[in-house]
């Protein structure tokens, strides 16, 4: 897996939930984004999807603190969060 592939996966599956839970007020939660990326790459390494070298040398991707999830992904994440409240 390349860093770009990992970043795309993070944006598709992890960022929407983070935006619904931590950024609902419209303000970017930069520390939460960095922590999410770090946790995600840790999981990738433990799951053997990336090497230890990749894990140790990858920094935060450009745009990590400014990018938005796709509208579709945000809607799905919001729906999932709403279901959890019921």
Foldseek 3Di string as FASTA:
>chain_A
DDPVVLVVVCLQPPQLLCCLPPVVVPDFPQVVLQVSSLVSLVVCPVVVVDDPVCNVPDDDDPCSRPDHHDPVSNVVSNVVVVVVVD
